[in-house]
Amino acid sequence: MDKSYSSTIDNAMQLLKVLSDSPYQYKISELEKALGISRTSINRILLTLERNKMVIRNPSTKKYKIGPLAYHLGNVYLDNGNYESRVLDILEELSDQLKASTGLAKRDGDDVISIFSVENYKPIKINYVPGTFFPMNRGSYGKCLMAYHDPNRIKKLLKGKTFEKICENTITDPKELLLEYARIRQQGYVISVDEVFPLAVGVGIPIFSNDGTVRHCVAASFIKDAHYLEKIEQAKKTLFQYRDELNHLIP
């Protein structure tokens, strides 16, 4: 493959990744700054992506966002799992019982990605839109799913890795993170408090596939208040009540 063509594809993928992150709409000048490539290259990539409906442009704001073909591809990815309907029912039930946001995330290779999200009881949005990627060092999804990832692969990923401390309890030390992974495996659940943003609390459990591996995590999230420790215990208990069904339901 021609190197320039390969580079263009790489740049297009990086551009789509930027558009898949908050605030999900960007001007060309903002993409230029985020990607560090020329405006000419960005224009050429956007024209191709727009022609193929991977991105669309708002004529009023002149901002680009993910287009309908990308949405279609994402739905194909979800439909291949064949478990969407019942999982969404369970997430709704959990949300109603806990008065919390709930969701399901999946580890695909080294990436942790949001699959489903239910937001019913929050004054502010806690969960992320489906398709959001999660870091390995903070939050229920990232910590839980990487805790059950291949240990040798984890060591390679952590080698020379640095983490930004974005909140009071964000883990930045790789050694501390490995200890946290060990605790998660030992206790069979994950807790996140003040790791992602102030007052954010998350509780999650791993979902075991038929082959014994963990590729999914279901979690509940809510705002920290005077009774948050009681809510954590309630969330753990309720999540575990659905664990066996989820273990059999999700491949």
Protein backbone atom coordinates (compact mmCIF):
# COMPACT_ATOMS: atom_id res chain seq x y z
CA MET A 1 0.00 0.00 0.00
CA ASP A 2 1.23 3.48 -0.85
CA LYS A 3 2.58 5.19 2.28
CA SER A 4 0.76 8.46 1.58
CA TYR A 5 -2.53 6.56 1.20
CA SER A 6 -1.91 4.70 4.45
CA SER A 7 -1.14 7.99 6.19
CA THR A 8 -4.38 9.50 4.90
CA ILE A 9 -6.36 6.57 6.28
CA ASP A 10 -4.61 6.92 9.65
CA ASN A 11 -5.41 10.64 9.72
CA ALA A 12 -9.04 9.95 8.85
CA MET A 13 -9.28 7.46 11.72
CA GLN A 14 -7.76 9.95 14.12
CA LEU A 15 -10.21 12.60 12.95
CA LEU A 16 -13.16 10.28 13.58
CA LYS A 17 -11.81 9.54 17.06
CA VAL A 18 -11.74 13.26 17.83
CA LEU A 19 -15.33 13.64 16.62
CA SER A 20 -16.37 10.75 18.86
CA ASP A 21 -15.19 12.64 21.93
CA SER A 22 -16.94 15.48 23.78
CA PRO A 23 -18.22 17.98 22.67
CA TYR A 24 -18.81 15.77 19.59
CA GLN A 25 -18.88 18.73 17.16
CA TYR A 26 -15.79 20.56 15.88
CA LYS A 27 -14.84 23.32 13.49
CA ILE A 28 -12.01 22.72 11.02
CA SER A 29 -9.74 25.03 13.05
CA GLU A 30 -10.41 22.92 16.16
CA LEU A 31 -9.67 19.69 14.29
CA GLU A 32 -6.47 21.20 12.94
CA LYS A 33 -5.34 22.00 16.47
CA ALA A 34 -6.35 18.61 17.85
CA LEU A 35 -4.75 16.56 15.08
CA GLY A 36 -1.68 18.62 14.25
CA ILE A 37 -2.06 18.15 10.49
CA SER A 38 -2.58 20.73 7.78
CA ARG A 39 -5.94 22.33 7.08
CA THR A 40 -5.65 21.19 3.47
CA SER A 41 -5.37 17.56 4.57
CA ILE A 42 -8.27 17.93 6.99
CA ASN A 43 -10.47 19.49 4.30
CA ARG A 44 -9.68 16.66 1.91
CA ILE A 45 -10.46 14.00 4.54
CA LEU A 46 -13.69 15.71 5.58
CA LEU A 47 -14.90 15.95 1.99
CA THR A 48 -14.39 12.20 1.54
CA LEU A 49 -16.01 11.33 4.86
CA GLU A 50 -18.92 13.68 4.23
CA ARG A 51 -19.49 12.22 0.77
CA ASN A 52 -19.70 8.77 2.39
CA LYS A 53 -21.95 10.01 5.22
CA MET A 54 -19.39 9.23 7.90
CA VAL A 55 -19.54 12.88 8.98
CA ILE A 56 -22.03 15.69 8.47
CA ARG A 57 -21.56 19.46 8.56
CA ASN A 58 -23.84 21.94 10.28
CA PRO A 59 -24.10 24.85 7.82
CA SER A 60 -25.00 27.30 10.60
CA THR A 61 -22.15 26.55 13.01
CA LYS A 62 -19.77 25.16 10.35
CA LYS A 63 -19.04 22.31 12.75
CA TYR A 64 -18.62 18.66 11.79
CA LYS A 65 -19.99 15.69 13.68
CA ILE A 66 -20.31 11.93 13.30
CA GLY A 67 -22.68 11.02 10.45
CA PRO A 68 -25.39 8.41 9.86
CA LEU A 69 -23.13 5.77 8.31
CA ALA A 70 -20.98 5.73 11.46
CA TYR A 71 -24.17 5.31 13.49
CA HIS A 72 -25.21 2.42 11.23
CA LEU A 73 -21.83 0.72 11.65
CA GLY A 74 -22.09 1.09 15.41
CA ASN A 75 -25.50 -0.53 15.41
CA VAL A 76 -24.16 -3.43 13.33
CA TYR A 77 -21.44 -3.87 15.94
CA LEU A 78 -24.05 -3.97 18.73
CA ASP A 79 -26.45 -6.23 16.82
CA ASN A 80 -23.72 -8.82 16.34
CA GLY A 81 -23.96 -9.45 20.09
CA ASN A 82 -27.61 -10.54 19.84
CA TYR A 83 -28.34 -9.58 23.46
CA GLU A 84 -29.48 -5.97 23.20
CA SER A 85 -33.17 -6.23 24.16
CA ARG A 86 -32.90 -8.10 27.47
CA VAL A 87 -29.75 -6.25 28.54
CA LEU A 88 -31.53 -2.93 28.08
CA ASP A 89 -34.46 -4.27 30.12
CA ILE A 90 -32.08 -5.23 32.92
CA LEU A 91 -30.38 -1.84 32.85
CA GLU A 92 -33.77 -0.13 33.07
CA GLU A 93 -34.74 -2.36 36.01
CA LEU A 94 -31.46 -1.62 37.78
CA SER A 95 -31.87 2.09 37.16
CA ASP A 96 -35.41 2.04 38.58
CA GLN A 97 -34.41 0.06 41.66
CA LEU A 98 -31.28 2.05 42.45
CA LYS A 99 -32.46 5.46 41.25
CA ALA A 100 -29.16 5.66 39.44
CA SER A 101 -27.65 5.74 35.97
CA THR A 102 -26.73 2.30 34.67
CA GLY A 103 -24.77 0.97 31.73
CA LEU A 104 -22.79 -1.80 30.09
CA ALA A 105 -19.27 -1.54 28.74
CA LYS A 106 -17.14 -3.98 26.77
CA ARG A 107 -13.42 -4.57 26.47
CA ASP A 108 -12.49 -5.01 22.82
CA GLY A 109 -8.78 -5.78 22.64
CA ASP A 110 -7.10 -3.11 24.76
CA ASP A 111 -10.03 -0.69 24.49
CA VAL A 112 -12.93 -0.30 26.91
CA ILE A 113 -16.02 1.08 25.21
CA SER A 114 -19.54 1.99 26.34
CA ILE A 115 -22.21 -0.23 24.77
CA PHE A 116 -25.47 0.75 26.50
CA SER A 117 -26.42 3.57 28.84
CA VAL A 118 -29.56 4.39 30.82
CA GLU A 119 -29.91 7.88 32.33
CA ASN A 120 -33.05 8.26 34.41
CA TYR A 121 -32.33 9.85 37.76
CA LYS A 122 -29.58 12.41 37.46
CA PRO A 123 -29.62 16.20 37.75
CA ILE A 124 -26.45 16.03 35.64
CA LYS A 125 -25.30 13.47 33.12
CA ILE A 126 -22.96 10.83 34.61
CA ASN A 127 -22.87 8.04 32.05
CA TYR A 128 -21.25 8.43 28.67
CA VAL A 129 -22.87 8.02 25.28
CA PRO A 130 -22.51 4.57 23.69
CA GLY A 131 -19.25 4.41 21.80
CA THR A 132 -17.26 6.35 24.41
CA PHE A 133 -13.84 4.93 25.26
CA PHE A 134 -12.73 4.67 28.89
CA PRO A 135 -9.21 4.94 30.36
CA MET A 136 -7.68 2.04 32.24
CA ASN A 137 -6.97 3.94 35.47
CA ARG A 138 -10.28 5.48 36.55
CA GLY A 139 -13.99 4.77 36.71
CA SER A 140 -15.85 1.49 37.11
CA TYR A 141 -15.65 0.35 33.50
CA GLY A 142 -12.00 1.00 32.83
CA LYS A 143 -10.69 -0.41 36.12
CA CYS A 144 -12.96 -3.46 36.15
CA LEU A 145 -12.36 -4.63 32.60
CA MET A 146 -8.63 -4.02 32.62
CA ALA A 147 -8.36 -5.82 35.97
CA TYR A 148 -9.40 -9.01 34.16
CA HIS A 149 -7.32 -8.36 31.04
CA ASP A 150 -4.23 -10.45 30.27
CA PRO A 151 -1.60 -9.60 32.95
CA ASN A 152 1.29 -9.62 30.48
CA ARG A 153 -0.58 -7.28 28.18
CA ILE A 154 -1.34 -4.98 31.10
CA LYS A 155 2.35 -4.78 31.98
CA LYS A 156 3.16 -3.77 28.41
CA LEU A 157 0.43 -1.14 28.39
CA LEU A 158 1.66 0.32 31.68
CA LYS A 159 5.32 0.41 30.68
CA GLY A 160 6.26 4.09 30.48
CA LYS A 161 2.60 5.07 30.84
CA THR A 162 1.69 8.33 32.58
CA PHE A 163 -1.76 9.31 33.84
CA GLU A 164 -3.23 12.73 34.48
CA LYS A 165 -4.71 13.31 37.93
CA ILE A 166 -8.05 14.79 36.93
CA CYS A 167 -9.79 14.30 40.27
CA GLU A 168 -9.01 13.74 43.96
CA ASN A 169 -8.89 9.92 43.79
CA THR A 170 -7.69 9.40 40.23
CA ILE A 171 -5.00 6.69 40.27
CA THR A 172 -1.81 7.85 38.56
CA ASP A 173 0.77 5.39 39.90
CA PRO A 174 0.98 2.18 37.80
CA LYS A 175 1.95 0.12 40.88
CA GLU A 176 -1.07 1.41 42.77
CA LEU A 177 -3.22 0.63 39.75
CA LEU A 178 -2.02 -2.98 39.69
CA LEU A 179 -2.91 -3.29 43.37
CA GLU A 180 -6.36 -1.89 42.61
CA TYR A 181 -6.79 -4.47 39.83
CA ALA A 182 -5.87 -7.23 42.29
CA ARG A 183 -8.44 -5.95 44.80
CA ILE A 184 -11.13 -5.91 42.12
CA ARG A 185 -10.41 -9.52 41.14
CA GLN A 186 -10.36 -10.62 44.78
CA GLN A 187 -13.62 -8.95 45.81
CA GLY A 188 -15.46 -9.43 42.52
CA TYR A 189 -16.65 -5.84 42.13
CA VAL A 190 -15.30 -2.35 41.50
CA ILE A 191 -15.97 0.96 43.25
CA SER A 192 -15.07 4.40 41.92
CA VAL A 193 -15.42 7.51 44.08
CA ASP A 194 -14.16 10.95 43.03
CA GLU A 195 -12.02 9.45 40.26
CA VAL A 196 -13.71 10.71 37.11
CA PHE A 197 -15.09 14.02 38.36
CA PRO A 198 -15.98 15.40 41.81
CA LEU A 199 -18.89 13.65 43.58
CA ALA A 200 -19.16 10.91 40.96
CA VAL A 201 -19.69 7.44 42.45
CA GLY A 202 -19.67 4.23 40.45
CA VAL A 203 -20.19 0.57 41.35
CA GLY A 204 -19.71 -2.25 38.86
CA ILE A 205 -19.36 -6.01 38.51
CA PRO A 206 -17.60 -8.12 35.87
CA ILE A 207 -19.65 -10.30 33.54
CA PHE A 208 -18.09 -13.69 32.86
CA SER A 209 -18.46 -15.22 29.40
CA ASN A 210 -19.02 -18.93 28.81
CA ASP A 211 -15.27 -19.42 28.36
CA GLY A 212 -14.56 -17.87 31.77
CA THR A 213 -13.15 -14.60 30.45
CA VAL A 214 -14.38 -11.13 31.37
CA ARG A 215 -15.14 -8.81 28.48
CA HIS A 216 -18.12 -6.89 29.89
CA CYS A 217 -18.90 -4.84 32.97
CA VAL A 218 -22.30 -3.61 34.18
CA ALA A 219 -22.27 -0.60 36.48
CA ALA A 220 -24.42 1.94 38.27
CA SER A 221 -23.45 5.54 38.93
CA PHE A 222 -24.84 8.32 41.08
CA ILE A 223 -23.94 11.57 42.78
CA LYS A 224 -22.13 11.36 46.12
CA ASP A 225 -24.20 12.49 49.09
CA ALA A 226 -24.39 11.88 52.86
CA HIS A 227 -25.72 8.36 52.27
CA TYR A 228 -23.42 7.31 49.45
CA LEU A 229 -21.82 4.43 51.40
CA GLU A 230 -25.24 2.87 51.95
CA LYS A 231 -26.03 3.37 48.26
CA ILE A 232 -22.79 1.61 47.31
CA GLU A 233 -23.80 -1.43 49.37
CA GLN A 234 -27.28 -1.39 47.87
CA ALA A 235 -25.85 -1.14 44.36
CA LYS A 236 -23.49 -4.07 44.97
CA LYS A 237 -26.31 -6.24 46.28
CA THR A 238 -28.65 -5.38 43.42
CA LEU A 239 -26.04 -5.84 40.71
CA PHE A 240 -25.12 -9.26 42.07
CA GLN A 241 -28.78 -10.28 41.90
CA TYR A 242 -28.59 -9.95 38.11
CA ARG A 243 -25.09 -11.39 37.72
CA ASP A 244 -26.01 -14.98 36.86
CA GLU A 245 -28.53 -13.94 34.21
CA LEU A 246 -26.06 -11.53 32.66
CA ASN A 247 -23.31 -14.17 32.73
CA HIS A 248 -25.51 -16.50 30.68
CA LEU A 249 -27.00 -13.78 28.49
CA ILE A 250 -23.86 -12.00 27.27
CA PRO A 251 -21.41 -14.08 25.17
